[in-house]
């Protein structure tokens, strides 16, 4: 069903101005949305790349190259780095194909909209000016008619001079009537041209502009989805490669078990049985030694009793050293 704003909305100039302004605001908001989406994709790609670099081994270890789970993890990190590349490509496509184009188009759209509504205002001002001219000629005709009527009443009662003045008033009223008719015809012509020619043309341009804006938003949404769909095959291949790397891990593979043996085998035999240590023999030996020591102590006690007359010469503290020496010399 076709719809013409020029015929259906001929008296809604202000509402059309508000509606198209809201449409441009929506276009700018959608452009900002895509820009932020691209920034998120770029930030995600940088974080994924940094994560892959962080966990990727700095140097290849010999033992890691022997185990399939280490090789699978390294392959996963490489594929994850490729995923980051694809997200960066998506962010670049969103910025170049959508954000830049919509920004440029929004600037052009604002200029075009300004031109259309300036034309609409000029047309509106012209019809308003024609209406004012009509009202002015109408009031002047009304005034001249009233003055001519009063002059006619006066001339009927007074002299010839008054009749001459009444004729002048009648002539002025006739001139005003002609001006009023001319202004009326001109206004009707201007009004017909305004509502049947100018307004439909201007409003049709505004309608076409609005349809192009909506179509451009539609194209931008399709381009956004297409840009993401473009990187999906590569991302899908990366995920398939990750799955293949995971499937390559064989925890029960005999060769893996032998790798562990070769890496960690010491070559020593397991320890034998622990022998019994007889602590009771030590206890018996201790008892025998204790009896021997007791006998020696008892013998010493008896020997002391056999020599009771032996006494030691004690040196008194108050005895001088020289006296003691002299005593031993004399003895």
C-alpha atoms as a PDB file:
ATOM      1  CA  UNK A   1       0.000   0.000   0.000  1.00  0.00           C
ATOM      2  CA  UNK A   2       1.496   3.288  -1.139  1.00  0.00           C
ATOM      3  CA  UNK A   3       1.548   6.261   1.192  1.00  0.00           C
ATOM      4  CA  UNK A   4       2.362   9.851   0.324  1.00  0.00           C
ATOM      5  CA  UNK A   5       3.355  12.137   3.152  1.00  0.00           C
ATOM      6  CA  UNK A   6       2.591  15.183   1.000  1.00  0.00           C
ATOM      7  CA  UNK A   7      -1.099  14.320   0.801  1.00  0.00           C
ATOM      8  CA  UNK A   8      -1.577  12.455   4.070  1.00  0.00           C
ATOM      9  CA  UNK A   9       0.519  14.720   6.308  1.00  0.00           C
ATOM     10  CA  UNK A  10       0.051  18.071   4.580  1.00  0.00           C
ATOM     11  CA  UNK A  11      -0.565  19.846   7.920  1.00  0.00           C
ATOM     12  CA  UNK A  12       2.038  17.984  10.048  1.00  0.00           C
ATOM     13  CA  UNK A  13       5.183  19.934   9.252  1.00  0.00           C
ATOM     14  CA  UNK A  14       6.295  20.249  12.895  1.00  0.00           C
ATOM     15  CA  UNK A  15       5.687  16.571  13.651  1.00  0.00           C
ATOM     16  CA  UNK A  16       7.628  15.536  10.559  1.00  0.00           C
ATOM     17  CA  UNK A  17      10.505  17.697  11.716  1.00  0.00           C
ATOM     18  CA  UNK A  18      10.497  16.002  15.131  1.00  0.00           C
ATOM     19  CA  UNK A  19      10.199  12.524  13.613  1.00  0.00           C
ATOM     20  CA  UNK A  20      13.122  12.960  11.225  1.00  0.00           C
ATOM     21  CA  UNK A  21      15.228  14.446  14.019  1.00  0.00           C
ATOM     22  CA  UNK A  22      14.501  11.377  16.152  1.00  0.00           C
ATOM     23  CA  UNK A  23      15.453   9.169  13.183  1.00  0.00           C
ATOM     24  CA  UNK A  24      18.867  10.819  12.923  1.00  0.00           C
ATOM     25  CA  UNK A  25      19.343  10.425  16.682  1.00  0.00           C
ATOM     26  CA  UNK A  26      18.610   6.716  16.301  1.00  0.00           C
ATOM     27  CA  UNK A  27      21.137   6.460  13.465  1.00  0.00           C
ATOM     28  CA  UNK A  28      23.805   8.108  15.607  1.00  0.00           C
ATOM     29  CA  UNK A  29      22.971   5.827  18.537  1.00  0.00           C
ATOM     30  CA  UNK A  30      23.248   2.740  16.344  1.00  0.00           C
ATOM     31  CA  UNK A  31      26.591   3.976  14.998  1.00  0.00           C
ATOM     32  CA  UNK A  32      27.811   4.384  18.567  1.00  0.00           C
ATOM     33  CA  UNK A  33      26.606   0.863  19.355  1.00  0.00           C
ATOM     34  CA  UNK A  34      28.624  -0.624  16.476  1.00  0.00           C
ATOM     35  CA  UNK A  35      31.672   1.427  17.527  1.00  0.00           C
ATOM     36  CA  UNK A  36      31.490   0.101  21.085  1.00  0.00           C
ATOM     37  CA  UNK A  37      30.932  -3.412  19.738  1.00  0.00           C
ATOM     38  CA  UNK A  38      34.110  -3.100  17.651  1.00  0.00           C
ATOM     39  CA  UNK A  39      36.016  -1.827  20.701  1.00  0.00           C
ATOM     40  CA  UNK A  40      34.843  -4.842  22.704  1.00  0.00           C
ATOM     41  CA  UNK A  41      35.918  -7.223  19.939  1.00  0.00           C
ATOM     42  CA  UNK A  42      39.329  -5.550  19.741  1.00  0.00           C
ATOM     43  CA  UNK A  43      39.773  -5.661  23.511  1.00  0.00           C
ATOM     44  CA  UNK A  44      38.721  -9.321  23.554  1.00  0.00           C
ATOM     45  CA  UNK A  45      41.238 -10.125  20.814  1.00  0.00           C
ATOM     46  CA  UNK A  46      44.047  -8.405  22.716  1.00  0.00           C
ATOM     47  CA  UNK A  47      43.200 -10.245  25.927  1.00  0.00           C
ATOM     48  CA  UNK A  48      43.000 -13.603  24.142  1.00  0.00           C
ATOM     49  CA  UNK A  49      46.340 -12.947  22.439  1.00  0.00           C
ATOM     50  CA  UNK A  50      47.906 -11.943  25.763  1.00  0.00           C
ATOM     51  CA  UNK A  51      46.492 -15.048  27.454  1.00  0.00           C
ATOM     52  CA  UNK A  52      47.853 -17.306  24.721  1.00  0.00           C
ATOM     53  CA  UNK A  53      51.265 -15.676  24.964  1.00  0.00           C
ATOM     54  CA  UNK A  54      51.259 -15.926  28.763  1.00  0.00           C
ATOM     55  CA  UNK A  55      50.705 -19.686  28.841  1.00  0.00           C
ATOM     56  CA  UNK A  56      52.761 -20.554  25.798  1.00  0.00           C
ATOM     57  CA  UNK A  57      56.108 -22.049  26.917  1.00  0.00           C
ATOM     58  CA  UNK A  58      58.978 -19.606  26.653  1.00  0.00           C
ATOM     59  CA  UNK A  59      61.302 -22.339  25.461  1.00  0.00           C
ATOM     60  CA  UNK A  60      60.629 -25.876  24.350  1.00  0.00           C
ATOM     61  CA  UNK A  61      61.293 -28.356  27.140  1.00  0.00           C
ATOM     62  CA  UNK A  62      62.403 -31.833  26.156  1.00  0.00           C
ATOM     63  CA  UNK A  63      59.988 -33.578  28.504  1.00  0.00           C
ATOM     64  CA  UNK A  64      56.996 -31.518  27.272  1.00  0.00           C
ATOM     65  CA  UNK A  65      57.636 -32.586  23.689  1.00  0.00           C
ATOM     66  CA  UNK A  66      57.296 -36.213  24.761  1.00  0.00           C
ATOM     67  CA  UNK A  67      53.783 -35.984  26.196  1.00  0.00           C
ATOM     68  CA  UNK A  68      50.713 -35.671  23.996  1.00  0.00           C
ATOM     69  CA  UNK A  69      48.784 -33.506  26.463  1.00  0.00           C
ATOM     70  CA  UNK A  70      51.567 -30.907  26.398  1.00  0.00           C
ATOM     71  CA  UNK A  71      51.579 -30.943  22.615  1.00  0.00           C
ATOM     72  CA  UNK A  72      47.773 -30.666  22.557  1.00  0.00           C
ATOM     73  CA  UNK A  73      47.827 -27.665  24.884  1.00  0.00           C
ATOM     74  CA  UNK A  74      50.466 -25.940  22.754  1.00  0.00           C
ATOM     75  CA  UNK A  75      48.324 -26.551  19.654  1.00  0.00           C
ATOM     76  CA  UNK A  76      45.284 -25.140  21.477  1.00  0.00           C
ATOM     77  CA  UNK A  77      47.205 -21.983  22.334  1.00  0.00           C
ATOM     78  CA  UNK A  78      48.220 -21.533  18.693  1.00  0.00           C
ATOM     79  CA  UNK A  79      44.623 -21.896  17.546  1.00  0.00           C
ATOM     80  CA  UNK A  80      43.491 -19.490  20.244  1.00  0.00           C
ATOM     81  CA  UNK A  81      45.930 -16.941  18.892  1.00  0.00           C
ATOM     82  CA  UNK A  82      44.381 -17.420  15.442  1.00  0.00           C
ATOM     83  CA  UNK A  83      40.941 -16.816  16.965  1.00  0.00           C
ATOM     84  CA  UNK A  84      42.274 -13.515  18.321  1.00  0.00           C
ATOM     85  CA  UNK A  85      43.404 -12.587  14.797  1.00  0.00           C
ATOM     86  CA  UNK A  86      39.891 -13.220  13.479  1.00  0.00           C
ATOM     87  CA  UNK A  87      38.305 -11.090  16.216  1.00  0.00           C
ATOM     88  CA  UNK A  88      40.695  -8.271  15.326  1.00  0.00           C
ATOM     89  CA  UNK A  89      39.658  -8.596  11.690  1.00  0.00           C
ATOM     90  CA  UNK A  90      36.001  -8.435  12.732  1.00  0.00           C
ATOM     91  CA  UNK A  91      36.626  -5.267  14.755  1.00  0.00           C
ATOM     92  CA  UNK A  92      38.441  -3.698  11.802  1.00  0.00           C
ATOM     93  CA  UNK A  93      35.578  -4.534   9.419  1.00  0.00           C
ATOM     94  CA  UNK A  94      33.003  -3.093  11.800  1.00  0.00           C
ATOM     95  CA  UNK A  95      34.948   0.150  12.067  1.00  0.00           C
ATOM     96  CA  UNK A  96      35.782   0.607   8.387  1.00  0.00           C
ATOM     97  CA  UNK A  97      32.663  -0.787   6.706  1.00  0.00           C
ATOM     98  CA  UNK A  98      29.986   0.376   9.135  1.00  0.00           C
ATOM     99  CA  UNK A  99      31.114   3.003  11.639  1.00  0.00           C
ATOM    100  CA  UNK A 100      32.993   5.207   9.166  1.00  0.00           C
ATOM    101  CA  UNK A 101      30.295   4.895   6.507  1.00  0.00           C
ATOM    102  CA  UNK A 102      27.450   5.634   8.909  1.00  0.00           C
ATOM    103  CA  UNK A 103      29.313   8.623  10.336  1.00  0.00           C
ATOM    104  CA  UNK A 104      29.794  10.073   6.858  1.00  0.00           C
ATOM    105  CA  UNK A 105      26.199   9.302   5.878  1.00  0.00           C
ATOM    106  CA  UNK A 106      24.844  10.902   9.056  1.00  0.00           C
ATOM    107  CA  UNK A 107      26.641  14.140   8.210  1.00  0.00           C
ATOM    108  CA  UNK A 108      25.184  14.097   4.690  1.00  0.00           C
ATOM    109  CA  UNK A 109      21.736  13.249   6.034  1.00  0.00           C
ATOM    110  CA  UNK A 110      21.754  16.195   8.422  1.00  0.00           C
ATOM    111  CA  UNK A 111      22.672  18.536   5.580  1.00  0.00           C
ATOM    112  CA  UNK A 112      19.945  17.131   3.334  1.00  0.00           C
ATOM    113  CA  UNK A 113      17.334  17.309   6.077  1.00  0.00           C
ATOM    114  CA  UNK A 114      18.251  20.904   6.820  1.00  0.00           C
ATOM    115  CA  UNK A 115      17.786  21.806   3.135  1.00  0.00           C
ATOM    116  CA  UNK A 116      14.367  20.141   2.879  1.00  0.00           C
ATOM    117  CA  UNK A 117      12.974  21.797   5.972  1.00  0.00           C
ATOM    118  CA  UNK A 118      14.371  25.164   4.928  1.00  0.00           C
ATOM    119  CA  UNK A 119      12.431  24.772   1.675  1.00  0.00           C
ATOM    120  CA  UNK A 120       9.362  23.837   3.686  1.00  0.00           C
ATOM    121  CA  UNK A 121       9.712  26.897   5.906  1.00  0.00           C
ATOM    122  CA  UNK A 122      10.125  29.187   2.904  1.00  0.00           C
ATOM    123  CA  UNK A 123       6.975  27.737   1.350  1.00  0.00           C
ATOM    124  CA  UNK A 124       5.157  28.156   4.650  1.00  0.00           C
ATOM    125  CA  UNK A 125       6.357  31.741   4.970  1.00  0.00           C
ATOM    126  CA  UNK A 126       5.219  32.483   1.405  1.00  0.00           C
ATOM    127  CA  UNK A 127       1.697  31.197   2.011  1.00  0.00           C
ATOM    128  CA  UNK A 128       1.523  33.085   5.301  1.00  0.00           C
ATOM    129  CA  UNK A 129       2.649  36.281   3.556  1.00  0.00           C
ATOM    130  CA  UNK A 130      -0.007  35.770   0.874  1.00  0.00           C
ATOM    131  CA  UNK A 131      -2.608  35.263   3.590  1.00  0.00           C
ATOM    132  CA  UNK A 132      -1.572  38.461   5.342  1.00  0.00           C
ATOM    133  CA  UNK A 133      -1.836  40.340   2.041  1.00  0.00           C
ATOM    134  CA  UNK A 134      -5.320  38.955   1.563  1.00  0.00           C
ATOM    135  CA  UNK A 135      -6.353  39.947   5.073  1.00  0.00           C
ATOM    136  CA  UNK A 136      -4.960  43.442   4.584  1.00  0.00           C
ATOM    137  CA  UNK A 137      -6.824  44.006   1.303  1.00  0.00           C
ATOM    138  CA  UNK A 138      -9.963  42.533   2.841  1.00  0.00           C
ATOM    139  CA  UNK A 139      -9.876  44.916   5.807  1.00  0.00           C
ATOM    140  CA  UNK A 140      -9.170  47.872   3.521  1.00  0.00           C
ATOM    141  CA  UNK A 141     -12.092  46.914   1.283  1.00  0.00           C
ATOM    142  CA  UNK A 142     -14.327  46.575   4.319  1.00  0.00           C
ATOM    143  CA  UNK A 143     -13.242  49.965   5.618  1.00  0.00           C
ATOM    144  CA  UNK A 144     -13.721  51.698   2.267  1.00  0.00           C
ATOM    145  CA  UNK A 145     -17.159  50.153   1.872  1.00  0.00           C
ATOM    146  CA  UNK A 146     -18.253  51.430   5.261  1.00  0.00           C
ATOM    147  CA  UNK A 147     -16.913  54.898   4.519  1.00  0.00           C
ATOM    148  CA  UNK A 148     -18.638  54.927   1.122  1.00  0.00           C
ATOM    149  CA  UNK A 149     -21.903  53.873   2.750  1.00  0.00           C
ATOM    150  CA  UNK A 150     -21.693  56.649   5.317  1.00  0.00           C
ATOM    151  CA  UNK A 151     -20.847  59.151   2.584  1.00  0.00           C
ATOM    152  CA  UNK A 152     -23.874  57.976   0.602  1.00  0.00           C
ATOM    153  CA  UNK A 153     -26.186  58.591   3.547  1.00  0.00           C
ATOM    154  CA  UNK A 154     -24.729  62.025   4.082  1.00  0.00           C
ATOM    155  CA  UNK A 155     -24.978  62.995   0.399  1.00  0.00           C
ATOM    156  CA  UNK A 156     -28.647  62.114   0.331  1.00  0.00           C
ATOM    157  CA  UNK A 157     -29.386  64.752   2.980  1.00  0.00           C
ATOM    158  CA  UNK A 158     -26.865  67.491   2.215  1.00  0.00           C
ATOM    159  CA  UNK A 159     -25.554  69.489  -0.757  1.00  0.00           C
ATOM    160  CA  UNK A 160     -23.839  68.626  -4.032  1.00  0.00           C
ATOM    161  CA  UNK A 161     -20.334  68.782  -2.580  1.00  0.00           C
ATOM    162  CA  UNK A 162     -21.202  65.992  -0.243  1.00  0.00           C
ATOM    163  CA  UNK A 163     -22.439  63.974  -3.185  1.00  0.00           C
ATOM    164  CA  UNK A 164     -19.091  64.460  -4.914  1.00  0.00           C
ATOM    165  CA  UNK A 165     -17.288  63.253  -1.791  1.00  0.00           C
ATOM    166  CA  UNK A 166     -19.587  60.237  -1.663  1.00  0.00           C
ATOM    167  CA  UNK A 167     -18.748  59.376  -5.235  1.00  0.00           C
ATOM    168  CA  UNK A 168     -15.062  59.476  -4.370  1.00  0.00           C
ATOM    169  CA  UNK A 169     -15.691  57.132  -1.485  1.00  0.00           C
ATOM    170  CA  UNK A 170     -17.593  54.828  -3.787  1.00  0.00           C
ATOM    171  CA  UNK A 171     -14.725  54.895  -6.256  1.00  0.00           C
ATOM    172  CA  UNK A 172     -12.195  54.119  -3.472  1.00  0.00           C
ATOM    173  CA  UNK A 173     -14.356  51.243  -2.298  1.00  0.00           C
ATOM    174  CA  UNK A 174     -14.481  49.908  -5.837  1.00  0.00           C
ATOM    175  CA  UNK A 175     -10.686  50.077  -6.071  1.00  0.00           C
ATOM    176  CA  UNK A 176     -10.386  48.280  -2.720  1.00  0.00           C
ATOM    177  CA  UNK A 177     -12.785  45.632  -3.961  1.00  0.00           C
ATOM    178  CA  UNK A 178     -10.628  45.047  -7.020  1.00  0.00           C
ATOM    179  CA  UNK A 179      -7.488  44.788  -4.851  1.00  0.00           C
ATOM    180  CA  UNK A 180      -9.268  42.396  -2.539  1.00  0.00           C
ATOM    181  CA  UNK A 181     -10.396  40.239  -5.457  1.00  0.00           C
ATOM    182  CA  UNK A 182      -6.874  40.255  -6.849  1.00  0.00           C
ATOM    183  CA  UNK A 183      -5.386  39.327  -3.453  1.00  0.00           C
ATOM    184  CA  UNK A 184      -8.007  36.638  -2.984  1.00  0.00           C
ATOM    185  CA  UNK A 185      -7.298  35.093  -6.363  1.00  0.00           C
ATOM    186  CA  UNK A 186      -3.580  35.285  -5.708  1.00  0.00           C
ATOM    187  CA  UNK A 187      -3.942  33.658  -2.307  1.00  0.00           C
ATOM    188  CA  UNK A 188      -6.113  30.873  -3.666  1.00  0.00           C
ATOM    189  CA  UNK A 189      -3.576  30.275  -6.379  1.00  0.00           C
ATOM    190  CA  UNK A 190      -0.711  30.301  -3.886  1.00  0.00           C
ATOM    191  CA  UNK A 191      -2.604  28.035  -1.512  1.00  0.00           C
ATOM    192  CA  UNK A 192      -3.407  25.541  -4.238  1.00  0.00           C
ATOM    193  CA  UNK A 193       0.200  25.542  -5.373  1.00  0.00           C
ATOM    194  CA  UNK A 194       1.385  25.228  -1.766  1.00  0.00           C
ATOM    195  CA  UNK A 195      -0.750  22.234  -0.783  1.00  0.00           C
ATOM    196  CA  UNK A 196      -0.873  20.486  -4.142  1.00  0.00           C
ATOM    197  CA  UNK A 197       2.569  21.164  -5.570  1.00  0.00           C
ATOM    198  CA  UNK A 198       5.169  22.540  -3.151  1.00  0.00           C
ATOM    199  CA  UNK A 199       4.244  20.617  -0.014  1.00  0.00           C
ATOM    200  CA  UNK A 200       3.863  17.236  -1.772  1.00  0.00           C
ATOM    201  CA  UNK A 201       7.228  17.679  -3.498  1.00  0.00           C
ATOM    202  CA  UNK A 202       9.039  18.761  -0.322  1.00  0.00           C
ATOM    203  CA  UNK A 203       7.385  16.114   1.840  1.00  0.00           C
ATOM    204  CA  UNK A 204       8.101  13.462  -0.765  1.00  0.00           C
ATOM    205  CA  UNK A 205      11.777  14.371  -0.605  1.00  0.00           C
ATOM    206  CA  UNK A 206      11.641  14.130   3.174  1.00  0.00           C
ATOM    207  CA  UNK A 207       9.898  10.765   2.879  1.00  0.00           C
ATOM    208  CA  UNK A 208      12.536   9.520   0.422  1.00  0.00           C
ATOM    209  CA  UNK A 209      15.263  10.727   2.775  1.00  0.00           C
ATOM    210  CA  UNK A 210      13.659   8.867   5.672  1.00  0.00           C
ATOM    211  CA  UNK A 211      13.319   5.683   3.629  1.00  0.00           C
ATOM    212  CA  UNK A 212      16.988   5.873   2.634  1.00  0.00           C
ATOM    213  CA  UNK A 213      17.933   6.312   6.284  1.00  0.00           C
ATOM    214  CA  UNK A 214      15.974   3.204   7.272  1.00  0.00           C
ATOM    215  CA  UNK A 215      17.455   1.269   4.365  1.00  0.00           C
ATOM    216  CA  UNK A 216      20.953   2.332   5.388  1.00  0.00           C
ATOM    217  CA  UNK A 217      20.350   1.066   8.922  1.00  0.00           C
ATOM    218  CA  UNK A 218      19.109  -2.207   7.445  1.00  0.00           C
ATOM    219  CA  UNK A 219      22.254  -2.501   5.319  1.00  0.00           C
ATOM    220  CA  UNK A 220      24.447  -1.730   8.332  1.00  0.00           C
ATOM    221  CA  UNK A 221      22.801  -4.482  10.365  1.00  0.00           C
ATOM    222  CA  UNK A 222      23.252  -6.938   7.502  1.00  0.00           C
ATOM    223  CA  UNK A 223      26.877  -5.877   7.093  1.00  0.00           C
ATOM    224  CA  UNK A 224      27.479  -6.369  10.806  1.00  0.00           C
ATOM    225  CA  UNK A 225      26.101  -9.897  10.702  1.00  0.00           C
ATOM    226  CA  UNK A 226      27.960 -10.630   7.459  1.00  0.00           C
ATOM    227  CA  UNK A 227      31.247  -9.393   8.927  1.00  0.00           C
ATOM    228  CA  UNK A 228      30.881 -11.808  11.828  1.00  0.00           C
ATOM    229  CA  UNK A 229      29.758 -14.632   9.556  1.00  0.00           C
ATOM    230  CA  UNK A 230      32.882 -14.059   7.463  1.00  0.00           C
ATOM    231  CA  UNK A 231      35.203 -14.958  10.349  1.00  0.00           C
ATOM    232  CA  UNK A 232      33.131 -17.903  11.551  1.00  0.00           C
ATOM    233  CA  UNK A 233      34.611 -20.462   9.099  1.00  0.00           C
ATOM    234  CA  UNK A 234      38.141 -19.689  10.274  1.00  0.00           C
ATOM    235  CA  UNK A 235      37.049 -19.725  13.915  1.00  0.00           C
ATOM    236  CA  UNK A 236      35.260 -23.015  13.268  1.00  0.00           C
ATOM    237  CA  UNK A 237      38.432 -24.499  11.785  1.00  0.00           C
ATOM    238  CA  UNK A 238      40.351 -23.325  14.846  1.00  0.00           C
ATOM    239  CA  UNK A 239      37.835 -25.048  17.101  1.00  0.00           C
ATOM    240  CA  UNK A 240      38.086 -28.207  14.994  1.00  0.00           C
ATOM    241  CA  UNK A 241      41.859 -28.085  15.370  1.00  0.00           C
ATOM    242  CA  UNK A 242      41.440 -27.746  19.142  1.00  0.00           C
ATOM    243  CA  UNK A 243      39.162 -30.786  19.114  1.00  0.00           C
ATOM    244  CA  UNK A 244      41.710 -32.746  17.081  1.00  0.00           C
ATOM    245  CA  UNK A 245      44.435 -31.751  19.532  1.00  0.00           C
ATOM    246  CA  UNK A 246      42.295 -32.962  22.427  1.00  0.00           C
ATOM    247  CA  UNK A 247      41.560 -36.235  20.625  1.00  0.00           C
ATOM    248  CA  UNK A 248      45.285 -36.795  20.077  1.00  0.00           C
ATOM    249  CA  UNK A 249      45.772 -37.226  23.827  1.00  0.00           C
ATOM    250  CA  UNK A 250      45.951 -40.982  24.608  1.00  0.00           C
ATOM    251  CA  UNK A 251      46.233 -41.533  28.357  1.00  0.00           C
ATOM    252  CA  UNK A 252      46.431 -45.340  28.093  1.00  0.00           C
ATOM    253  CA  UNK A 253      48.922 -45.501  25.280  1.00  0.00           C
ATOM    254  CA  UNK A 254      51.778 -47.932  26.093  1.00  0.00           C
ATOM    255  CA  UNK A 255      54.367 -45.674  24.521  1.00  0.00           C
ATOM    256  CA  UNK A 256      53.403 -42.889  26.913  1.00  0.00           C
ATOM    257  CA  UNK A 257      53.875 -45.206  29.856  1.00  0.00           C
ATOM    258  CA  UNK A 258      57.321 -46.149  28.614  1.00  0.00           C
ATOM    259  CA  UNK A 259      58.158 -42.452  28.213  1.00  0.00           C
ATOM    260  CA  UNK A 260      57.420 -41.900  31.893  1.00  0.00           C
ATOM    261  CA  UNK A 261      59.572 -44.943  32.740  1.00  0.00           C
ATOM    262  CA  UNK A 262      62.454 -43.686  30.644  1.00  0.00           C
ATOM    263  CA  UNK A 263      62.288 -40.229  32.187  1.00  0.00           C
ATOM    264  CA  UNK A 264      62.005 -41.160  35.855  1.00  0.00           C
ATOM    265  CA  UNK A 265      63.441 -44.725  36.239  1.00  0.00           C
ATOM    266  CA  UNK A 266      66.311 -44.784  38.788  1.00  0.00           C
ATOM    267  CA  UNK A 267      67.660 -48.281  38.042  1.00  0.00           C
ATOM    268  CA  UNK A 268      67.784 -49.338  41.714  1.00  0.00           C
ATOM    269  CA  UNK A 269      66.104 -52.479  43.108  1.00  0.00           C
ATOM    270  CA  UNK A 270      63.356 -52.156  45.700  1.00  0.00           C
ATOM    271  CA  UNK A 271      64.553 -52.538  49.347  1.00  0.00           C
ATOM    272  CA  UNK A 272      64.438 -55.990  51.020  1.00  0.00           C
ATOM    273  CA  UNK A 273      62.827 -57.125  54.286  1.00  0.00           C
ATOM    274  CA  UNK A 274      63.769 -55.390  57.501  1.00  0.00           C
ATOM    275  CA  UNK A 275      65.652 -57.763  59.883  1.00  0.00           C
ATOM    276  CA  UNK A 276      64.720 -58.326  63.537  1.00  0.00           C
ATOM    277  CA  UNK A 277      66.944 -56.546  66.011  1.00  0.00           C
ATOM    278  CA  UNK A 278      67.229 -58.372  69.394  1.00  0.00           C
ATOM    279  CA  UNK A 279      67.346 -55.727  72.067  1.00  0.00           C
ATOM    280  CA  UNK A 280      67.048 -58.377  74.852  1.00  0.00           C
ATOM    281  CA  UNK A 281      70.701 -59.522  74.381  1.00  0.00           C
ATOM    282  CA  UNK A 282      71.834 -56.015  75.070  1.00  0.00           C
ATOM    283  CA  UNK A 283      69.728 -55.975  78.194  1.00  0.00           C
ATOM    284  CA  UNK A 284      71.372 -59.218  79.494  1.00  0.00           C
ATOM    285  CA  UNK A 285      74.786 -57.859  78.715  1.00  0.00           C
ATOM    286  CA  UNK A 286      73.980 -54.743  80.683  1.00  0.00           C
ATOM    287  CA  UNK A 287      72.920 -56.798  83.690  1.00  0.00           C
ATOM    288  CA  UNK A 288      76.224 -58.743  83.673  1.00  0.00           C
ATOM    289  CA  UNK A 289      78.278 -55.604  83.489  1.00  0.00           C
ATOM    290  CA  UNK A 290      76.304 -54.134  86.377  1.00  0.00           C
ATOM    291  CA  UNK A 291      77.093 -57.167  88.593  1.00  0.00           C
ATOM    292  CA  UNK A 292      80.807 -56.894  87.809  1.00  0.00           C
ATOM    293  CA  UNK A 293      80.879 -53.248  88.781  1.00  0.00           C
ATOM    294  CA  UNK A 294      79.081 -53.974  92.037  1.00  0.00           C
ATOM    295  CA  UNK A 295      81.727 -56.598  92.974  1.00  0.00           C
ATOM    296  CA  UNK A 296      84.545 -54.150  92.340  1.00  0.00           C
ATOM    297  CA  UNK A 297      82.886 -51.580  94.529  1.00  0.00           C
ATOM    298  CA  UNK A 298      82.458 -54.085  97.314  1.00  0.00           C
ATOM    299  CA  UNK A 299      86.142 -55.095  97.080  1.00  0.00           C
ATOM    300  CA  UNK A 300      87.245 -51.515  97.388  1.00  0.00           C
ATOM    301  CA  UNK A 301      85.131 -51.145 100.489  1.00  0.00           C
ATOM    302  CA  UNK A 302      86.847 -54.170 102.106  1.00  0.00           C
ATOM    303  CA  UNK A 303      90.306 -52.938 101.146  1.00  0.00           C
ATOM    304  CA  UNK A 304      89.720 -49.728 102.981  1.00  0.00           C
ATOM    305  CA  UNK A 305      88.899 -51.630 106.101  1.00  0.00           C
ATOM    306  CA  UNK A 306      92.162 -53.650 105.858  1.00  0.00           C
ATOM    307  CA  UNK A 307      94.279 -50.494 106.175  1.00  0.00           C
ATOM    308  CA  UNK A 308      92.676 -48.435 108.926  1.00  0.00           C
ATOM    309  CA  UNK A 309      95.986 -46.963 110.145  1.00  0.00           C
ATOM    310  CA  UNK A 310      96.740 -45.231 106.898  1.00  0.00           C
ATOM    311  CA  UNK A 311      95.971 -41.604 107.089  1.00  0.00           C
ATOM    312  CA  UNK A 312      96.614 -38.716 104.874  1.00  0.00           C
ATOM    313  CA  UNK A 313      98.687 -35.772 105.881  1.00  0.00           C
ATOM    314  CA  UNK A 314      96.467 -32.784 105.700  1.00  0.00           C
ATOM    315  CA  UNK A 315      97.778 -29.316 105.145  1.00  0.00           C
ATOM    316  CA  UNK A 316      96.044 -26.820 107.325  1.00  0.00           C
ATOM    317  CA  UNK A 317      95.155 -23.552 105.761  1.00  0.00           C
ATOM    318  CA  UNK A 318      96.842 -21.552 108.491  1.00  0.00           C
ATOM    319  CA  UNK A 319     100.116 -23.527 108.187  1.00  0.00           C
ATOM    320  CA  UNK A 320     102.690 -21.706 106.076  1.00  0.00           C
ATOM    321  CA  UNK A 321     103.924 -23.422 102.975  1.00  0.00           C
ATOM    322  CA  UNK A 322     107.539 -23.164 104.051  1.00  0.00           C
ATOM    323  CA  UNK A 323     106.847 -24.924 107.382  1.00  0.00           C
ATOM    324  CA  UNK A 324     105.273 -27.837 105.651  1.00  0.00           C
ATOM    325  CA  UNK A 325     108.238 -28.082 103.359  1.00  0.00           C
ATOM    326  CA  UNK A 326     110.593 -27.984 106.301  1.00  0.00           C
ATOM    327  CA  UNK A 327     108.589 -30.703 107.990  1.00  0.00           C
ATOM    328  CA  UNK A 328     108.924 -33.072 105.087  1.00  0.00           C
ATOM    329  CA  UNK A 329     112.602 -32.308 104.802  1.00  0.00           C
ATOM    330  CA  UNK A 330     113.188 -33.113 108.427  1.00  0.00           C
ATOM    331  CA  UNK A 331     111.330 -36.359 108.162  1.00  0.00           C
END
